[in-house]
Amino acid sequence: MTPHAHAPRPSPPQVARQPIWSPAGDLHGYELLYRTADGTPAGVDRWDEDRQEDATEAVLARIASMKLGSALAFVNVTRGYLVESRTLPPHRGQLVLEVLETVPADEGSLAGLTRLRDAGYRLALDDFTASAAQLAMLPWADYVKIDCRDLLQHGSALVELARSSGAQVIAERVSDRALVDHCVAWGFDLLQGDVLGPAATLRS
């Protein structure tokens, strides 16, 4: 390589999407997920908040060019998206901001939830386990997502608590057909999991 030659640019990160279905089999939306340049999961949940925000920004940047049709787009967001006026794509009414379970329910976060709802964005609580912070944010939620693994610890009462403020409840990590049947019996409004459609990396 000559002194003035440039190294190749690194490949940009990718985005995967996983469908969210009604029990009747109607497509409701997609969760959009950050992926590495080679299309594999990046372990974003183990990153610090600044890096998580970078991942969210990369995913949101792709939404502007997506053809969603009538489907909703669910994207994880950190506290920074609640308390700061960050740029969001113009899919108001179709973009669902999933508030991570690590976000505290402080004054700034609650004010941010109000601001985003007033601006036309829908809100979801991710990985709901009825923590004190999640219960405080529940009145703002259009959707509540429950990991099926948490149902083993908390039981179906967690579903009823999740819907107590009028939110639709989504079962996540539905891994087999038996769980599909259980989730329908427990009263979940929507279902998401590999048995119903794995996350597929989109072509750039």
Protein backbone atom coordinates (compact mmCIF):
# COMPACT_ATOMS: atom_id res chain seq x y z
CA MET A 1 0.00 0.00 0.00
CA THR A 2 1.43 3.38 -0.95
CA PRO A 3 1.66 6.13 1.69
CA HIS A 4 -1.28 7.99 0.14
CA ALA A 5 -3.53 4.99 -0.45
CA HIS A 6 -6.70 4.83 1.57
CA ALA A 7 -7.83 1.79 3.49
CA PRO A 8 -11.25 0.51 2.46
CA ARG A 9 -14.12 1.99 4.39
CA PRO A 10 -15.62 -0.33 7.00
CA SER A 11 -18.96 -1.82 6.05
CA PRO A 12 -21.91 -0.02 7.63
CA PRO A 13 -24.01 -1.79 10.26
CA GLN A 14 -27.06 -3.69 9.12
CA VAL A 15 -30.68 -3.80 10.29
CA ALA A 16 -32.77 -6.92 10.81
CA ARG A 17 -36.50 -7.09 11.23
CA GLN A 18 -38.69 -9.59 13.05
CA PRO A 19 -42.45 -9.72 12.46
CA ILE A 20 -45.07 -9.18 15.13
CA TRP A 21 -48.35 -10.99 14.51
CA SER A 22 -51.87 -11.06 15.83
CA PRO A 23 -53.07 -14.47 17.11
CA ALA A 24 -55.14 -14.68 13.91
CA GLY A 25 -52.00 -14.41 11.79
CA ASP A 26 -52.29 -10.78 10.69
CA LEU A 27 -49.05 -8.80 10.42
CA HIS A 28 -49.05 -5.94 12.92
CA GLY A 29 -45.49 -4.64 12.68
CA TYR A 30 -41.78 -5.38 12.80
CA GLU A 31 -39.18 -4.95 15.48
CA LEU A 32 -36.09 -3.45 13.84
CA LEU A 33 -32.82 -4.67 15.28
CA TYR A 34 -29.23 -3.49 15.00
CA ARG A 35 -26.83 -5.95 13.41
CA THR A 36 -23.09 -5.96 12.77
CA ALA A 37 -21.71 -5.33 9.29
CA ASP A 38 -21.85 -9.07 8.56
CA GLY A 39 -25.48 -9.29 9.67
CA THR A 40 -25.01 -11.02 13.03
CA PRO A 41 -26.43 -9.93 16.43
CA ALA A 42 -24.21 -7.34 18.11
CA GLY A 43 -25.16 -7.82 21.78
CA VAL A 44 -26.35 -4.21 22.04
CA ASP A 45 -28.02 -4.87 25.41
CA ARG A 46 -24.56 -5.28 26.94
CA TRP A 47 -23.26 -1.94 25.62
CA ASP A 48 -23.12 1.32 27.55
CA GLU A 49 -25.85 3.87 26.90
CA ASP A 50 -23.82 6.03 24.50
CA ARG A 51 -23.12 3.07 22.21
CA GLN A 52 -26.73 1.93 22.47
CA GLU A 53 -27.83 5.36 21.30
CA ASP A 54 -25.49 5.06 18.31
CA ALA A 55 -27.14 1.74 17.46
CA THR A 56 -30.60 3.28 17.74
CA GLU A 57 -29.54 6.15 15.49
CA ALA A 58 -28.30 3.67 12.86
CA VAL A 59 -31.59 1.76 12.93
CA LEU A 60 -33.71 4.92 12.75
CA ALA A 61 -31.67 6.16 9.80
CA ARG A 62 -32.80 3.10 7.84
CA ILE A 63 -36.48 3.62 8.60
CA ALA A 64 -36.62 6.77 6.49
CA SER A 65 -35.95 4.66 3.37
CA MET A 66 -38.17 1.70 4.27
CA LYS A 67 -41.51 0.90 2.74
CA LEU A 68 -43.54 -0.06 5.78
CA GLY A 69 -46.94 -0.28 4.19
CA SER A 70 -49.45 -0.39 7.04
CA ALA A 71 -47.04 -2.18 9.40
CA LEU A 72 -45.61 -0.49 12.47
CA ALA A 73 -41.89 -0.20 13.18
CA PHE A 74 -40.73 -0.97 16.75
CA VAL A 75 -37.30 0.41 17.72
CA ASN A 76 -35.50 0.27 21.09
CA VAL A 77 -34.62 3.67 22.58
CA THR A 78 -32.59 4.78 25.58
CA ARG A 79 -33.34 7.56 28.04
CA GLY A 80 -31.53 10.01 25.78
CA TYR A 81 -34.39 9.81 23.28
CA LEU A 82 -36.84 10.76 26.02
CA VAL A 83 -35.01 13.68 27.61
CA GLU A 84 -33.31 15.18 24.54
CA SER A 85 -34.81 16.48 21.30
CA ARG A 86 -33.20 13.94 19.01
CA THR A 87 -34.07 13.65 15.35
CA LEU A 88 -36.68 11.00 14.63
CA PRO A 89 -37.84 9.83 11.19
CA PRO A 90 -41.19 11.18 9.93
CA HIS A 91 -43.16 7.95 10.38
CA ARG A 92 -45.40 9.38 13.04
CA GLY A 93 -48.20 7.05 13.83
CA GLN A 94 -46.17 4.09 12.52
CA LEU A 95 -43.05 4.38 14.66
CA VAL A 96 -43.22 2.69 18.07
CA LEU A 97 -40.44 3.67 20.45
CA GLU A 98 -39.60 0.79 22.78
CA VAL A 99 -38.38 2.17 26.11
CA LEU A 100 -35.65 -0.09 27.45
CA GLU A 101 -36.17 -1.67 30.86
CA THR A 102 -33.09 0.17 32.19
CA VAL A 103 -34.66 3.63 31.74
CA PRO A 104 -35.55 5.25 35.10
CA ALA A 105 -38.96 6.84 35.59
CA ASP A 106 -37.57 10.19 36.68
CA GLU A 107 -39.10 13.58 35.96
CA GLY A 108 -37.19 13.99 32.71
CA SER A 109 -38.18 10.60 31.37
CA LEU A 110 -41.88 11.06 32.15
CA ALA A 111 -41.89 14.50 30.56
CA GLY A 112 -40.25 12.95 27.49
CA LEU A 113 -42.95 10.31 27.24
CA THR A 114 -45.58 13.03 27.21
CA ARG A 115 -43.67 15.03 24.58
CA LEU A 116 -43.28 12.05 22.26
CA ARG A 117 -46.91 10.98 22.60
CA ASP A 118 -48.02 14.54 21.88
CA ALA A 119 -45.81 14.49 18.75
CA GLY A 120 -47.63 11.43 17.42
CA TYR A 121 -45.23 8.63 18.30
CA ARG A 122 -46.42 5.43 19.91
CA LEU A 123 -44.64 4.04 22.95
CA ALA A 124 -43.88 0.56 24.22
CA LEU A 125 -42.30 -0.78 27.39
CA ASP A 126 -39.72 -3.44 26.62
CA ASP A 127 -39.07 -6.54 28.77
CA PHE A 128 -41.84 -5.70 31.23
CA THR A 129 -41.40 -7.29 34.65
CA ALA A 130 -43.49 -4.79 36.65
CA SER A 131 -40.51 -2.92 38.05
CA ALA A 132 -41.29 0.30 39.91
CA ALA A 133 -40.06 2.38 36.98
CA GLN A 134 -42.12 0.42 34.44
CA LEU A 135 -45.26 0.71 36.55
CA ALA A 136 -44.74 4.48 36.71
CA MET A 137 -44.43 4.64 32.91
CA LEU A 138 -47.30 2.26 32.21
CA PRO A 139 -49.97 4.98 31.68
CA TRP A 140 -48.01 6.26 28.63
CA ALA A 141 -47.61 2.85 26.99
CA ASP A 142 -49.47 1.86 23.85
CA TYR A 143 -47.75 -1.54 23.98
CA VAL A 144 -46.14 -3.65 26.68
CA LYS A 145 -43.72 -6.43 25.68
CA ILE A 146 -43.22 -9.44 27.94
CA ASP A 147 -40.46 -12.00 27.45
CA CYS A 148 -42.00 -15.47 27.66
CA ARG A 149 -39.15 -16.53 29.94
CA ASP A 150 -40.35 -14.02 32.55
CA LEU A 151 -43.79 -15.63 32.60
CA LEU A 152 -42.23 -18.69 34.23
CA GLN A 153 -41.35 -16.51 37.22
CA HIS A 154 -44.25 -14.08 37.35
CA GLY A 155 -47.14 -16.04 35.84
CA SER A 156 -50.10 -14.85 33.80
CA ALA A 157 -50.89 -12.14 36.38
CA LEU A 158 -48.07 -10.18 34.75
CA VAL A 159 -50.12 -10.04 31.55
CA GLU A 160 -53.14 -8.60 33.35
CA LEU A 161 -50.97 -5.99 35.08
CA ALA A 162 -49.40 -5.04 31.76
CA ARG A 163 -52.79 -4.36 30.19
CA SER A 164 -54.21 -2.54 33.24
CA SER A 165 -53.71 0.91 31.66
CA GLY A 166 -55.13 -0.11 28.28
CA ALA A 167 -51.95 -1.13 26.44
CA GLN A 168 -51.79 -4.00 23.98
CA VAL A 169 -49.58 -6.78 25.30
CA ILE A 170 -46.97 -8.48 23.11
CA ALA A 171 -45.37 -11.85 23.89
CA GLU A 172 -41.68 -11.89 22.98
CA ARG A 173 -39.39 -14.89 22.43
CA VAL A 174 -42.22 -17.21 21.51
CA SER A 175 -40.03 -20.19 20.73
CA ASP A 176 -42.38 -23.10 19.92
CA ARG A 177 -45.95 -23.89 18.95
CA ALA A 178 -46.88 -24.87 22.50
CA LEU A 179 -45.92 -21.38 23.67
CA VAL A 180 -48.05 -19.88 20.92
CA ASP A 181 -51.06 -21.73 22.30
CA HIS A 182 -50.21 -20.73 25.89
CA CYS A 183 -49.78 -17.06 24.95
CA VAL A 184 -53.14 -17.00 23.19
CA ALA A 185 -54.75 -18.61 26.24
CA TRP A 186 -53.06 -16.04 28.53
CA GLY A 187 -54.67 -13.26 26.50
CA PHE A 188 -51.72 -11.75 24.64
CA ASP A 189 -52.81 -9.38 21.89
CA LEU A 190 -49.72 -9.90 19.72
CA LEU A 191 -46.94 -12.46 19.31
CA GLN A 192 -43.27 -12.27 18.35
CA GLY A 193 -40.70 -15.05 18.21
CA ASP A 194 -38.55 -17.29 16.08
CA VAL A 195 -41.26 -19.92 15.66
CA LEU A 196 -43.43 -17.26 14.00
CA GLY A 197 -40.64 -15.67 11.98
CA PRO A 198 -36.97 -15.16 12.89
CA ALA A 199 -35.22 -11.82 12.59
CA ALA A 200 -33.99 -11.45 9.01
CA THR A 201 -31.23 -9.03 8.05
CA LEU A 202 -32.36 -6.60 5.39
CA ARG A 203 -30.35 -6.07 2.26
CA SER A 204 -28.65 -2.69 2.17
